[in-house]
């Protein structure tokens, strides 16, 4: 197995943690107005879908809701 002969100096390892580069990353582009509008519309659509599914789902989760009711048709009521 290959073994290092020289030890790594601890000062070098400690210095690597606080190394700062002199290269500045480019600034991110600001989104245009149409991108902001599109993202907000997508967000509103998702929120409206969640709210709608909650509103339509709550009556089905109601414990007092009885699904065993028998509905009579108009033809049988006239007899």
Protein backbone atom coordinates (compact mmCIF):
# COMPACT_ATOMS: atom_id res chain seq x y z
CA UNK A 1 0.00 0.00 0.00
CA UNK A 2 1.34 3.46 -0.88
CA UNK A 3 2.26 5.54 2.12
CA UNK A 4 3.16 9.21 2.30
CA UNK A 5 6.62 9.89 3.56
CA UNK A 6 6.17 13.54 4.52
CA UNK A 7 3.49 14.77 6.84
CA UNK A 8 1.07 17.46 5.78
CA UNK A 9 1.84 20.65 7.67
CA UNK A 10 -1.07 21.67 9.87
CA UNK A 11 -0.56 25.34 9.11
CA UNK A 12 -1.33 24.67 5.45
CA UNK A 13 -4.58 22.88 6.33
CA UNK A 14 -5.66 25.68 8.66
CA UNK A 15 -4.80 28.29 6.03
CA UNK A 16 -6.91 26.50 3.41
CA UNK A 17 -10.06 27.08 5.50
CA UNK A 18 -9.72 30.85 5.35
CA UNK A 19 -8.43 31.14 1.79
CA UNK A 20 -10.13 33.88 -0.19
CA UNK A 21 -10.07 34.02 -3.93
CA UNK A 22 -9.50 37.24 -5.80
CA UNK A 23 -11.98 36.17 -8.49
CA UNK A 24 -15.40 37.75 -8.05
CA UNK A 25 -18.36 35.69 -9.29
CA UNK A 26 -20.65 37.45 -11.76
CA UNK A 27 -23.72 39.12 -10.36
CA UNK A 28 -26.93 37.18 -10.99
CA UNK A 29 -29.29 38.57 -13.60
CA UNK A 30 -32.41 40.25 -12.34
CA UNK A 31 -35.58 38.58 -13.61
CA UNK A 32 -37.59 40.59 -16.09
CA UNK A 33 -41.11 41.79 -15.40
CA UNK A 34 -42.62 39.02 -17.52
CA UNK A 35 -40.63 36.39 -15.58
CA UNK A 36 -41.82 37.81 -12.26
CA UNK A 37 -45.41 37.90 -13.51
CA UNK A 38 -45.19 34.33 -14.83
CA UNK A 39 -43.75 33.01 -11.58
CA UNK A 40 -46.41 34.75 -9.54
CA UNK A 41 -49.17 33.38 -11.77
CA UNK A 42 -47.82 29.86 -11.41
CA UNK A 43 -47.68 30.31 -7.64
CA UNK A 44 -51.23 31.64 -7.52
CA UNK A 45 -52.43 28.72 -9.65
CA UNK A 46 -50.84 26.21 -7.28
CA UNK A 47 -52.31 27.94 -4.22
CA UNK A 48 -55.76 28.15 -5.85
CA UNK A 49 -55.60 24.43 -6.66
CA UNK A 50 -54.74 23.54 -3.09
CA UNK A 51 -57.50 25.76 -1.69
CA UNK A 52 -60.02 24.38 -4.19
CA UNK A 53 -59.16 20.78 -3.37
CA UNK A 54 -59.50 21.58 0.32
CA UNK A 55 -62.92 23.19 -0.19
CA UNK A 56 -64.19 20.28 -2.29
CA UNK A 57 -62.64 17.66 0.00
CA UNK A 58 -63.93 18.93 3.35
CA UNK A 59 -67.57 17.86 2.84
CA UNK A 60 -66.40 14.34 2.09
CA UNK A 61 -64.41 14.26 5.35
CA UNK A 62 -67.37 15.44 7.45
CA UNK A 63 -68.17 12.64 9.97
CA UNK A 64 -71.89 13.59 10.07
CA UNK A 65 -72.23 13.14 6.32
CA UNK A 66 -74.27 10.01 5.65
CA UNK A 67 -73.73 8.27 2.34
CA UNK A 68 -76.37 5.61 3.03
CA UNK A 69 -79.36 7.85 2.31
CA UNK A 70 -81.74 6.44 -0.25
CA UNK A 71 -82.86 8.95 -2.84
CA UNK A 72 -86.25 8.46 -4.37
CA UNK A 73 -86.84 9.35 -7.95
CA UNK A 74 -89.73 11.57 -9.04
CA UNK A 75 -91.45 8.63 -10.68
CA UNK A 76 -91.67 6.65 -7.45
CA UNK A 77 -92.95 9.68 -5.48
CA UNK A 78 -96.03 10.02 -7.66
CA UNK A 79 -97.45 6.60 -6.77
